[in-house]
All heavy atoms as atom14 arrays in JSON, in Angstrom:
{
  "sequence": "PKHEKNIASSFLRQGRSNRAHTGGVTDDTELGRKILATHESNERGFYV",
  "atom14_mask": [
    [1, 1, 1, 1, 1, 1, 1, 0, 0, 0, 0, 0, 0, 0],
    [1, 1, 1, 1, 1, 1, 1, 1, 1, 0, 0, 0, 0, 0],
    [1, 1, 1, 1, 1, 1, 1, 1, 1, 1, 0, 0, 0, 0],
    [1, 1, 1, 1, 1, 1, 1, 1, 1, 0, 0, 0, 0, 0],
    [1, 1, 1, 1, 1, 1, 1, 1, 1, 0, 0, 0, 0, 0],
    [1, 1, 1, 1, 1, 1, 1, 1, 0, 0, 0, 0, 0, 0],
    [1, 1, 1, 1, 1, 1, 1, 1, 0, 0, 0, 0, 0, 0],
    [1, 1, 1, 1, 1, 0, 0, 0, 0, 0, 0, 0, 0, 0],
    [1, 1, 1, 1, 1, 1, 0, 0, 0, 0, 0, 0, 0, 0],
    [1, 1, 1, 1, 1, 1, 0, 0, 0, 0, 0, 0, 0, 0],
    [1, 1, 1, 1, 1, 1, 1, 1, 1, 1, 1, 0, 0, 0],
    [1, 1, 1, 1, 1, 1, 1, 1, 0, 0, 0, 0, 0, 0],
    [1, 1, 1, 1, 1, 1, 1, 1, 1, 1, 1, 0, 0, 0],
    [1, 1, 1, 1, 1, 1, 1, 1, 1, 0, 0, 0, 0, 0],
    [1, 1, 1, 1, 0, 0, 0, 0, 0, 0, 0, 0, 0, 0],
    [1, 1, 1, 1, 1, 1, 1, 1, 1, 1, 1, 0, 0, 0],
    [1, 1, 1, 1, 1, 1, 0, 0, 0, 0, 0, 0, 0, 0],
    [1, 1, 1, 1, 1, 1, 1, 1, 0, 0, 0, 0, 0, 0],
    [1, 1, 1, 1, 1, 1, 1, 1, 1, 1, 1, 0, 0, 0],
    [1, 1, 1, 1, 1, 0, 0, 0, 0, 0, 0, 0, 0, 0],
    [1, 1, 1, 1, 1, 1, 1, 1, 1, 1, 0, 0, 0, 0],
    [1, 1, 1, 1, 1, 1, 1, 0, 0, 0, 0, 0, 0, 0],
    [1, 1, 1, 1, 0, 0, 0, 0, 0, 0, 0, 0, 0, 0],
    [1, 1, 1, 1, 0, 0, 0, 0, 0, 0, 0, 0, 0, 0],
    [1, 1, 1, 1, 1, 1, 1, 0, 0, 0, 0, 0, 0, 0],
    [1, 1, 1, 1, 1, 1, 1, 0, 0, 0, 0, 0, 0, 0],
    [1, 1, 1, 1, 1, 1, 1, 1, 0, 0, 0, 0, 0, 0],
    [1, 1, 1, 1, 1, 1, 1, 1, 0, 0, 0, 0, 0, 0],
    [1, 1, 1, 1, 1, 1, 1, 0, 0, 0, 0, 0, 0, 0],
    [1, 1, 1, 1, 1, 1, 1, 1, 1, 0, 0, 0, 0, 0],
    [1, 1, 1, 1, 1, 1, 1, 1, 0, 0, 0, 0, 0, 0],
    [1, 1, 1, 1, 0, 0, 0, 0, 0, 0, 0, 0, 0, 0],
    [1, 1, 1, 1, 1, 1, 1, 1, 1, 1, 1, 0, 0, 0],
    [1, 1, 1, 1, 1, 1, 1, 1, 1, 0, 0, 0, 0, 0],
    [1, 1, 1, 1, 1, 1, 1, 1, 0, 0, 0, 0, 0, 0],
    [1, 1, 1, 1, 1, 1, 1, 1, 0, 0, 0, 0, 0, 0],
    [1, 1, 1, 1, 1, 0, 0, 0, 0, 0, 0, 0, 0, 0],
    [1, 1, 1, 1, 1, 1, 1, 0, 0, 0, 0, 0, 0, 0],
    [1, 1, 1, 1, 1, 1, 1, 1, 1, 1, 0, 0, 0, 0],
    [1, 1, 1, 1, 1, 1, 1, 1, 1, 0, 0, 0, 0, 0],
    [1, 1, 1, 1, 1, 1, 0, 0, 0, 0, 0, 0, 0, 0],
    [1, 1, 1, 1, 1, 1, 1, 1, 0, 0, 0, 0, 0, 0],
    [1, 1, 1, 1, 1, 1, 1, 1, 1, 0, 0, 0, 0, 0],
    [1, 1, 1, 1, 1, 1, 1, 1, 1, 1, 1, 0, 0, 0],
    [1, 1, 1, 1, 0, 0, 0, 0, 0, 0, 0, 0, 0, 0],
    [1, 1, 1, 1, 1, 1, 1, 1, 1, 1, 1, 0, 0, 0],
    [1, 1, 1, 1, 1, 1, 1, 1, 1, 1, 1, 1, 0, 0],
    [1, 1, 1, 1, 1, 1, 1, 0, 0, 0, 0, 0, 0, 0]
  ],
  "atom14_positions": [
    [[0.84, -1.2, 0.0], [0.0, 0.0, 0.0], [0.87, 1.24, 0.0], [2.0, 1.23, 0.46], [-0.8, -0.13, 1.31], [-0.76, -1.58, 1.64], [0.55, -2.08, 1.12], [0.0, 0.0, 0.0], [0.0, 0.0, 0.0], [0.0, 0.0, 0.0], [0.0, 0.0, 0.0], [0.0, 0.0, 0.0], [0.0, 0.0, 0.0], [0.0, 0.0, 0.0]],
    [[0.32, 2.35, -0.53], [1.11, 3.58, -0.69], [1.67, 4.06, 0.62], [2.83, 4.47, 0.71], [0.23, 4.66, -1.32], [0.99, 5.97, -1.57], [0.1, 6.98, -2.25], [0.87, 8.27, -2.5], [0.02, 9.29, -3.14], [0.0, 0.0, 0.0], [0.0, 0.0, 0.0], [0.0, 0.0, 0.0], [0.0, 0.0, 0.0], [0.0, 0.0, 0.0]],
    [[0.85, 4.0, 1.73], [1.34, 4.53, 3.0], [2.47, 3.67, 3.53], [3.39, 4.16, 4.19], [0.19, 4.63, 4.01], [-0.25, 3.31, 4.59], [-1.13, 2.49, 3.94], [0.09, 2.69, 5.75], [-1.35, 1.41, 4.69], [-0.61, 1.51, 5.79], [0.0, 0.0, 0.0], [0.0, 0.0, 0.0], [0.0, 0.0, 0.0], [0.0, 0.0, 0.0]],
    [[2.44, 2.34, 3.25], [3.52, 1.48, 3.72], [4.79, 1.75, 2.95], [5.9, 1.68, 3.49], [3.11, 0.01, 3.62], [1.99, -0.35, 4.6], [1.68, -1.83, 4.59], [2.32, -2.56, 3.8], [0.82, -2.27, 5.38], [0.0, 0.0, 0.0], [0.0, 0.0, 0.0], [0.0, 0.0, 0.0], [0.0, 0.0, 0.0], [0.0, 0.0, 0.0]],
    [[4.66, 2.06, 1.62], [5.84, 2.43, 0.86], [6.46, 3.71, 1.43], [7.67, 3.85, 1.52], [5.48, 2.65, -0.61], [5.13, 1.38, -1.36], [4.85, 1.69, -2.81], [4.48, 0.42, -3.59], [4.21, 0.72, -5.0], [0.0, 0.0, 0.0], [0.0, 0.0, 0.0], [0.0, 0.0, 0.0], [0.0, 0.0, 0.0], [0.0, 0.0, 0.0]],
    [[5.59, 4.64, 1.83], [6.1, 5.88, 2.4], [6.84, 5.62, 3.71], [7.87, 6.24, 4.0], [4.97, 6.88, 2.63], [4.4, 7.4, 1.32], [5.09, 7.39, 0.31], [3.15, 7.85, 1.36], [0.0, 0.0, 0.0], [0.0, 0.0, 0.0], [0.0, 0.0, 0.0], [0.0, 0.0, 0.0], [0.0, 0.0, 0.0], [0.0, 0.0, 0.0]],
    [[6.29, 4.72, 4.53], [6.95, 4.37, 5.78], [8.35, 3.82, 5.5], [9.34, 4.22, 6.1], [6.12, 3.32, 6.56], [4.78, 3.93, 7.0], [6.9, 2.82, 7.77], [3.84, 2.92, 7.62], [0.0, 0.0, 0.0], [0.0, 0.0, 0.0], [0.0, 0.0, 0.0], [0.0, 0.0, 0.0], [0.0, 0.0, 0.0], [0.0, 0.0, 0.0]],
    [[8.39, 2.87, 4.55], [9.67, 2.24, 4.23], [10.68, 3.25, 3.74], [11.81, 3.29, 4.21], [9.46, 1.14, 3.18], [0.0, 0.0, 0.0], [0.0, 0.0, 0.0], [0.0, 0.0, 0.0], [0.0, 0.0, 0.0], [0.0, 0.0, 0.0], [0.0, 0.0, 0.0], [0.0, 0.0, 0.0], [0.0, 0.0, 0.0], [0.0, 0.0, 0.0]],
    [[10.28, 4.09, 2.79], [11.24, 5.04, 2.21], [11.7, 6.06, 3.24], [12.85, 6.47, 3.24], [10.62, 5.75, 1.0], [9.46, 6.46, 1.39], [0.0, 0.0, 0.0], [0.0, 0.0, 0.0], [0.0, 0.0, 0.0], [0.0, 0.0, 0.0], [0.0, 0.0, 0.0], [0.0, 0.0, 0.0], [0.0, 0.0, 0.0], [0.0, 0.0, 0.0]],
    [[10.77, 6.47, 4.14], [11.16, 7.49, 5.12], [12.17, 6.95, 6.12], [13.03, 7.67, 6.6], [9.92, 8.02, 5.85], [9.39, 7.04, 6.7], [0.0, 0.0, 0.0], [0.0, 0.0, 0.0], [0.0, 0.0, 0.0], [0.0, 0.0, 0.0], [0.0, 0.0, 0.0], [0.0, 0.0, 0.0], [0.0, 0.0, 0.0], [0.0, 0.0, 0.0]],
    [[12.06, 5.67, 6.44], [13.0, 5.1, 7.41], [14.29, 4.63, 6.75], [15.3, 4.47, 7.43], [12.34, 3.93, 8.16], [11.42, 4.4, 9.24], [10.06, 4.53, 8.98], [11.9, 4.74, 10.49], [9.21, 4.99, 9.97], [11.05, 5.18, 11.47], [9.69, 5.3, 11.22], [0.0, 0.0, 0.0], [0.0, 0.0, 0.0], [0.0, 0.0, 0.0]],
    [[14.27, 4.4, 5.46], [15.48, 3.96, 4.78], [16.43, 5.11, 4.55], [17.64, 4.94, 4.54], [15.12, 3.32, 3.42], [14.42, 1.95, 3.49], [14.1, 1.48, 2.07], [15.29, 0.93, 4.18], [0.0, 0.0, 0.0], [0.0, 0.0, 0.0], [0.0, 0.0, 0.0], [0.0, 0.0, 0.0], [0.0, 0.0, 0.0], [0.0, 0.0, 0.0]],
    [[15.86, 6.32, 4.28], [16.72, 7.45, 3.94], [17.27, 8.08, 5.21], [16.54, 8.7, 5.96], [15.92, 8.48, 3.14], [15.52, 8.0, 1.76], [15.02, 9.17, 0.9], [13.9, 9.86, 1.53], [12.63, 9.51, 1.34], [12.33, 8.5, 0.55], [11.65, 10.19, 1.93], [0.0, 0.0, 0.0], [0.0, 0.0, 0.0], [0.0, 0.0, 0.0]],
    [[18.54, 7.86, 5.47], [19.22, 8.5, 6.6], [20.36, 9.35, 6.04], [21.19, 8.86, 5.29], [19.8, 7.45, 7.56], [18.75, 6.49, 8.12], [17.72, 7.24, 8.96], [18.03, 8.28, 9.52], [16.51, 6.73, 9.0], [0.0, 0.0, 0.0], [0.0, 0.0, 0.0], [0.0, 0.0, 0.0], [0.0, 0.0, 0.0], [0.0, 0.0, 0.0]],
    [[20.4, 10.63, 6.41], [21.42, 11.55, 5.9], [22.81, 11.19, 6.35], [23.0, 10.51, 7.35], [0.0, 0.0, 0.0], [0.0, 0.0, 0.0], [0.0, 0.0, 0.0], [0.0, 0.0, 0.0], [0.0, 0.0, 0.0], [0.0, 0.0, 0.0], [0.0, 0.0, 0.0], [0.0, 0.0, 0.0], [0.0, 0.0, 0.0], [0.0, 0.0, 0.0]],
    [[23.82, 11.66, 5.59], [25.22, 11.42, 5.92], [25.88, 12.66, 6.53], [27.09, 12.7, 6.66], [25.99, 10.97, 4.69], [25.48, 9.63, 4.14], [26.3, 9.16, 2.98], [25.82, 7.89, 2.49], [26.19, 6.72, 2.97], [27.04, 6.68, 3.96], [25.71, 5.61, 2.47], [0.0, 0.0, 0.0], [0.0, 0.0, 0.0], [0.0, 0.0, 0.0]],
    [[25.1, 13.67, 6.84], [25.64, 14.87, 7.49], [24.94, 15.02, 8.82], [24.15, 14.18, 9.23], [25.43, 16.1, 6.62], [24.05, 16.39, 6.54], [0.0, 0.0, 0.0], [0.0, 0.0, 0.0], [0.0, 0.0, 0.0], [0.0, 0.0, 0.0], [0.0, 0.0, 0.0], [0.0, 0.0, 0.0], [0.0, 0.0, 0.0], [0.0, 0.0, 0.0]],
    [[25.24, 16.12, 9.53], [24.63, 16.36, 10.82], [23.29, 17.08, 10.7], [22.78, 17.6, 11.68], [25.57, 17.18, 11.71], [26.7, 16.34, 12.23], [26.57, 15.14, 12.34], [27.82, 16.98, 12.56], [0.0, 0.0, 0.0], [0.0, 0.0, 0.0], [0.0, 0.0, 0.0], [0.0, 0.0, 0.0], [0.0, 0.0, 0.0], [0.0, 0.0, 0.0]],
    [[22.72, 17.14, 9.49], [21.44, 17.81, 9.3], [20.31, 16.8, 9.21], [20.48, 15.69, 8.73], [21.46, 18.65, 8.02], [22.48, 19.79, 8.07], [22.43, 20.62, 6.82], [23.34, 21.74, 6.89], [23.46, 22.65, 5.94], [22.72, 22.58, 4.85], [24.33, 23.64, 6.09], [0.0, 0.0, 0.0], [0.0, 0.0, 0.0], [0.0, 0.0, 0.0]],
    [[19.13, 17.22, 9.64], [17.95, 16.38, 9.47], [17.46, 16.5, 8.04], [17.46, 17.59, 7.47], [16.85, 16.84, 10.43], [0.0, 0.0, 0.0], [0.0, 0.0, 0.0], [0.0, 0.0, 0.0], [0.0, 0.0, 0.0], [0.0, 0.0, 0.0], [0.0, 0.0, 0.0], [0.0, 0.0, 0.0], [0.0, 0.0, 0.0], [0.0, 0.0, 0.0]],
    [[17.06, 15.37, 7.48], [16.7, 15.36, 6.06], [15.21, 15.16, 5.82], [14.81, 14.97, 4.69], [17.48, 14.26, 5.34], [18.94, 14.56, 5.25], [19.5, 15.39, 4.31], [19.97, 14.13, 6.02], [20.81, 15.47, 4.47], [21.12, 14.71, 5.51], [0.0, 0.0, 0.0], [0.0, 0.0, 0.0], [0.0, 0.0, 0.0], [0.0, 0.0, 0.0]],
    [[14.43, 15.16, 6.89], [12.99, 14.96, 6.69], [12.23, 16.02, 7.44], [12.76, 16.71, 8.31], [12.56, 13.56, 7.2], [12.92, 13.45, 8.57], [13.21, 12.46, 6.4], [0.0, 0.0, 0.0], [0.0, 0.0, 0.0], [0.0, 0.0, 0.0], [0.0, 0.0, 0.0], [0.0, 0.0, 0.0], [0.0, 0.0, 0.0], [0.0, 0.0, 0.0]],
    [[10.97, 16.15, 7.13], [10.11, 17.09, 7.84], [10.41, 18.53, 7.53], [9.98, 19.43, 8.24], [0.0, 0.0, 0.0], [0.0, 0.0, 0.0], [0.0, 0.0, 0.0], [0.0, 0.0, 0.0], [0.0, 0.0, 0.0], [0.0, 0.0, 0.0], [0.0, 0.0, 0.0], [0.0, 0.0, 0.0], [0.0, 0.0, 0.0], [0.0, 0.0, 0.0]],
    [[11.15, 18.81, 6.47], [11.44, 20.18, 6.09], [12.54, 20.84, 6.9], [12.82, 22.01, 6.71], [0.0, 0.0, 0.0], [0.0, 0.0, 0.0], [0.0, 0.0, 0.0], [0.0, 0.0, 0.0], [0.0, 0.0, 0.0], [0.0, 0.0, 0.0], [0.0, 0.0, 0.0], [0.0, 0.0, 0.0], [0.0, 0.0, 0.0], [0.0, 0.0, 0.0]],
    [[13.18, 20.09, 7.82], [14.22, 20.67, 8.65], [15.56, 20.43, 7.98], [16.01, 19.29, 7.87], [14.22, 20.06, 10.06], [15.33, 20.67, 10.9], [12.88, 20.3, 10.72], [0.0, 0.0, 0.0], [0.0, 0.0, 0.0], [0.0, 0.0, 0.0], [0.0, 0.0, 0.0], [0.0, 0.0, 0.0], [0.0, 0.0, 0.0], [0.0, 0.0, 0.0]],
    [[16.22, 21.47, 7.5], [17.48, 21.32, 6.78], [18.6, 22.12, 7.4], [19.68, 22.2, 6.86], [17.31, 21.76, 5.32], [16.89, 23.12, 5.29], [16.29, 20.88, 4.61], [0.0, 0.0, 0.0], [0.0, 0.0, 0.0], [0.0, 0.0, 0.0], [0.0, 0.0, 0.0], [0.0, 0.0, 0.0], [0.0, 0.0, 0.0], [0.0, 0.0, 0.0]],
    [[18.35, 22.75, 8.53], [19.35, 23.61, 9.14], [19.57, 23.17, 10.59], [18.6, 22.97, 11.33], [18.89, 25.06, 9.08], [19.94, 26.0, 9.65], [20.92, 26.28, 8.94], [19.76, 26.41, 10.81], [0.0, 0.0, 0.0], [0.0, 0.0, 0.0], [0.0, 0.0, 0.0], [0.0, 0.0, 0.0], [0.0, 0.0, 0.0], [0.0, 0.0, 0.0]],
    [[20.84, 23.04, 10.98], [21.15, 22.59, 12.34], [20.6, 23.55, 13.39], [20.11, 23.14, 14.44], [22.67, 22.46, 12.52], [23.2, 21.2, 11.86], [22.38, 20.3, 11.62], [24.41, 21.12, 11.6], [0.0, 0.0, 0.0], [0.0, 0.0, 0.0], [0.0, 0.0, 0.0], [0.0, 0.0, 0.0], [0.0, 0.0, 0.0], [0.0, 0.0, 0.0]],
    [[20.69, 24.85, 13.13], [20.2, 25.84, 14.08], [18.7, 25.71, 14.29], [18.2, 25.74, 15.41], [20.54, 27.26, 13.59], [21.96, 27.36, 13.39], [20.08, 28.3, 14.59], [0.0, 0.0, 0.0], [0.0, 0.0, 0.0], [0.0, 0.0, 0.0], [0.0, 0.0, 0.0], [0.0, 0.0, 0.0], [0.0, 0.0, 0.0], [0.0, 0.0, 0.0]],
    [[17.98, 25.53, 13.17], [16.53, 25.37, 13.26], [16.17, 24.09, 13.98], [15.24, 24.06, 14.8], [15.94, 25.37, 11.85], [14.43, 25.15, 11.78], [13.64, 26.3, 12.39], [14.24, 27.38, 12.63], [12.43, 26.13, 12.61], [0.0, 0.0, 0.0], [0.0, 0.0, 0.0], [0.0, 0.0, 0.0], [0.0, 0.0, 0.0], [0.0, 0.0, 0.0]],
    [[16.95, 23.03, 13.71], [16.71, 21.75, 14.39], [16.93, 21.91, 15.88], [16.12, 21.45, 16.7], [17.65, 20.68, 13.83], [17.62, 19.31, 14.53], [16.23, 18.69, 14.44], [18.67, 18.38, 13.95], [0.0, 0.0, 0.0], [0.0, 0.0, 0.0], [0.0, 0.0, 0.0], [0.0, 0.0, 0.0], [0.0, 0.0, 0.0], [0.0, 0.0, 0.0]],
    [[18.04, 22.55, 16.26], [18.3, 22.76, 17.68], [17.21, 23.56, 18.36], [16.83, 23.27, 19.51], [0.0, 0.0, 0.0], [0.0, 0.0, 0.0], [0.0, 0.0, 0.0], [0.0, 0.0, 0.0], [0.0, 0.0, 0.0], [0.0, 0.0, 0.0], [0.0, 0.0, 0.0], [0.0, 0.0, 0.0], [0.0, 0.0, 0.0], [0.0, 0.0, 0.0]],
    [[16.7, 24.57, 17.64], [15.63, 25.39, 18.21], [14.37, 24.57, 18.47], [13.73, 24.71, 19.51], [15.31, 26.56, 17.27], [14.32, 27.57, 17.83], [13.95, 28.59, 16.77], [13.26, 27.97, 15.64], [11.97, 27.59, 15.68], [11.24, 27.77, 16.77], [11.41, 27.05, 14.62], [0.0, 0.0, 0.0], [0.0, 0.0, 0.0], [0.0, 0.0, 0.0]],
    [[14.03, 23.72, 17.51], [12.84, 22.87, 17.65], [13.0, 21.88, 18.81], [12.05, 21.62, 19.55], [12.57, 22.12, 16.35], [12.03, 23.0, 15.23], [11.77, 22.17, 13.99], [11.12, 23.01, 12.89], [9.74, 23.43, 13.25], [0.0, 0.0, 0.0], [0.0, 0.0, 0.0], [0.0, 0.0, 0.0], [0.0, 0.0, 0.0], [0.0, 0.0, 0.0]],
    [[14.22, 21.32, 18.97], [14.45, 20.35, 20.05], [14.36, 21.04, 21.4], [13.71, 20.56, 22.34], [15.82, 19.68, 19.88], [15.87, 18.89, 18.56], [16.1, 18.74, 21.05], [17.25, 18.37, 18.21], [0.0, 0.0, 0.0], [0.0, 0.0, 0.0], [0.0, 0.0, 0.0], [0.0, 0.0, 0.0], [0.0, 0.0, 0.0], [0.0, 0.0, 0.0]],
    [[15.01, 22.21, 21.52], [14.99, 22.94, 22.78], [13.58, 23.38, 23.16], [13.26, 23.5, 24.34], [15.92, 24.15, 22.69], [17.42, 23.86, 22.7], [18.22, 25.12, 22.4], [17.84, 23.29, 24.06], [0.0, 0.0, 0.0], [0.0, 0.0, 0.0], [0.0, 0.0, 0.0], [0.0, 0.0, 0.0], [0.0, 0.0, 0.0], [0.0, 0.0, 0.0]],
    [[12.73, 23.59, 22.16], [11.36, 24.02, 22.43], [10.55, 22.93, 23.13], [9.51, 23.21, 23.75], [10.67, 24.43, 21.13], [0.0, 0.0, 0.0], [0.0, 0.0, 0.0], [0.0, 0.0, 0.0], [0.0, 0.0, 0.0], [0.0, 0.0, 0.0], [0.0, 0.0, 0.0], [0.0, 0.0, 0.0], [0.0, 0.0, 0.0], [0.0, 0.0, 0.0]],
    [[11.02, 21.69, 23.05], [10.31, 20.57, 23.68], [10.8, 20.3, 25.1], [10.28, 19.41, 25.77], [10.5, 19.28, 22.87], [11.89, 18.88, 22.92], [10.1, 19.49, 21.42], [0.0, 0.0, 0.0], [0.0, 0.0, 0.0], [0.0, 0.0, 0.0], [0.0, 0.0, 0.0], [0.0, 0.0, 0.0], [0.0, 0.0, 0.0], [0.0, 0.0, 0.0]],
    [[11.81, 21.04, 25.57], [12.46, 20.75, 26.86], [11.97, 21.71, 27.93], [12.08, 22.93, 27.78], [13.98, 20.86, 26.7], [14.73, 20.48, 27.94], [14.73, 19.21, 28.45], [15.51, 21.23, 28.77], [15.49, 19.17, 29.53], [15.97, 20.39, 29.75], [0.0, 0.0, 0.0], [0.0, 0.0, 0.0], [0.0, 0.0, 0.0], [0.0, 0.0, 0.0]],
    [[11.42, 21.15, 29.04], [10.87, 22.0, 30.09], [11.45, 21.72, 31.47], [11.17, 22.46, 32.4], [9.34, 21.85, 30.15], [8.63, 22.35, 28.9], [7.12, 22.3, 29.04], [6.66, 21.95, 30.16], [6.41, 22.59, 28.06], [0.0, 0.0, 0.0], [0.0, 0.0, 0.0], [0.0, 0.0, 0.0], [0.0, 0.0, 0.0], [0.0, 0.0, 0.0]],
    [[12.22, 20.65, 31.63], [12.7, 20.32, 32.97], [14.01, 19.54, 32.89], [14.31, 18.91, 31.86], [11.65, 19.48, 33.72], [12.16, 19.05, 34.96], [0.0, 0.0, 0.0], [0.0, 0.0, 0.0], [0.0, 0.0, 0.0], [0.0, 0.0, 0.0], [0.0, 0.0, 0.0], [0.0, 0.0, 0.0], [0.0, 0.0, 0.0], [0.0, 0.0, 0.0]],
    [[14.78, 19.57, 33.98], [16.02, 18.8, 34.07], [15.95, 17.74, 35.16], [16.97, 17.26, 35.63], [17.2, 19.74, 34.35], [17.59, 20.56, 33.13], [17.66, 20.03, 32.02], [17.79, 21.85, 33.33], [0.0, 0.0, 0.0], [0.0, 0.0, 0.0], [0.0, 0.0, 0.0], [0.0, 0.0, 0.0], [0.0, 0.0, 0.0], [0.0, 0.0, 0.0]],
    [[14.74, 17.36, 35.55], [14.56, 16.37, 36.61], [14.66, 14.96, 36.03], [14.18, 14.68, 34.93], [13.2, 16.55, 37.28], [13.03, 17.88, 37.99], [14.03, 18.05, 39.13], [14.33, 17.06, 39.8], [14.5, 19.19, 39.33], [0.0, 0.0, 0.0], [0.0, 0.0, 0.0], [0.0, 0.0, 0.0], [0.0, 0.0, 0.0], [0.0, 0.0, 0.0]],
    [[15.29, 14.08, 36.81], [15.36, 12.68, 36.38], [14.08, 11.93, 36.73], [13.53, 11.22, 35.92], [16.57, 12.0, 37.04], [17.89, 12.3, 36.33], [19.01, 11.43, 36.84], [20.18, 11.54, 35.99], [21.33, 10.91, 36.22], [21.45, 10.14, 37.28], [22.34, 11.05, 35.39], [0.0, 0.0, 0.0], [0.0, 0.0, 0.0], [0.0, 0.0, 0.0]],
    [[13.63, 12.05, 37.95], [12.38, 11.4, 38.34], [12.55, 10.0, 38.86], [11.65, 9.48, 39.53], [0.0, 0.0, 0.0], [0.0, 0.0, 0.0], [0.0, 0.0, 0.0], [0.0, 0.0, 0.0], [0.0, 0.0, 0.0], [0.0, 0.0, 0.0], [0.0, 0.0, 0.0], [0.0, 0.0, 0.0], [0.0, 0.0, 0.0], [0.0, 0.0, 0.0]],
    [[13.67, 9.34, 38.58], [13.9, 7.98, 39.08], [15.4, 7.68, 38.95], [16.15, 8.41, 38.3], [13.07, 6.95, 38.3], [13.35, 6.94, 36.83], [14.31, 6.09, 36.27], [12.64, 7.78, 35.97], [14.56, 6.1, 34.91], [12.89, 7.78, 34.61], [13.85, 6.94, 34.08], [0.0, 0.0, 0.0], [0.0, 0.0, 0.0], [0.0, 0.0, 0.0]],
    [[15.82, 6.58, 39.57], [17.22, 6.16, 39.51], [17.49, 5.51, 38.15], [16.86, 4.5, 37.79], [17.53, 5.18, 40.63], [17.46, 5.8, 42.0], [16.44, 5.43, 42.89], [18.37, 6.75, 42.42], [16.35, 6.0, 44.15], [18.3, 7.32, 43.69], [17.29, 6.94, 44.54], [17.21, 7.51, 45.78], [0.0, 0.0, 0.0], [0.0, 0.0, 0.0]],
    [[18.44, 6.07, 37.44], [18.67, 5.59, 36.07], [19.64, 4.42, 36.01], [19.57, 3.61, 35.07], [19.19, 6.75, 35.18], [18.17, 7.86, 35.1], [20.51, 7.29, 35.7], [0.0, 0.0, 0.0], [0.0, 0.0, 0.0], [0.0, 0.0, 0.0], [0.0, 0.0, 0.0], [0.0, 0.0, 0.0], [0.0, 0.0, 0.0], [0.0, 0.0, 0.0]]
  ]
}
């Protein structure tokens, strides 16, 4: 099925640089900004 082909192709393509190659993110600075936007705490919460 088309959606399964999309799944396969999206997971097969891994970039050879430090940039993200999917989801429209092509800049390290932009990627870092998006990741930091998801971070709200530095607590562990349990013994690791």
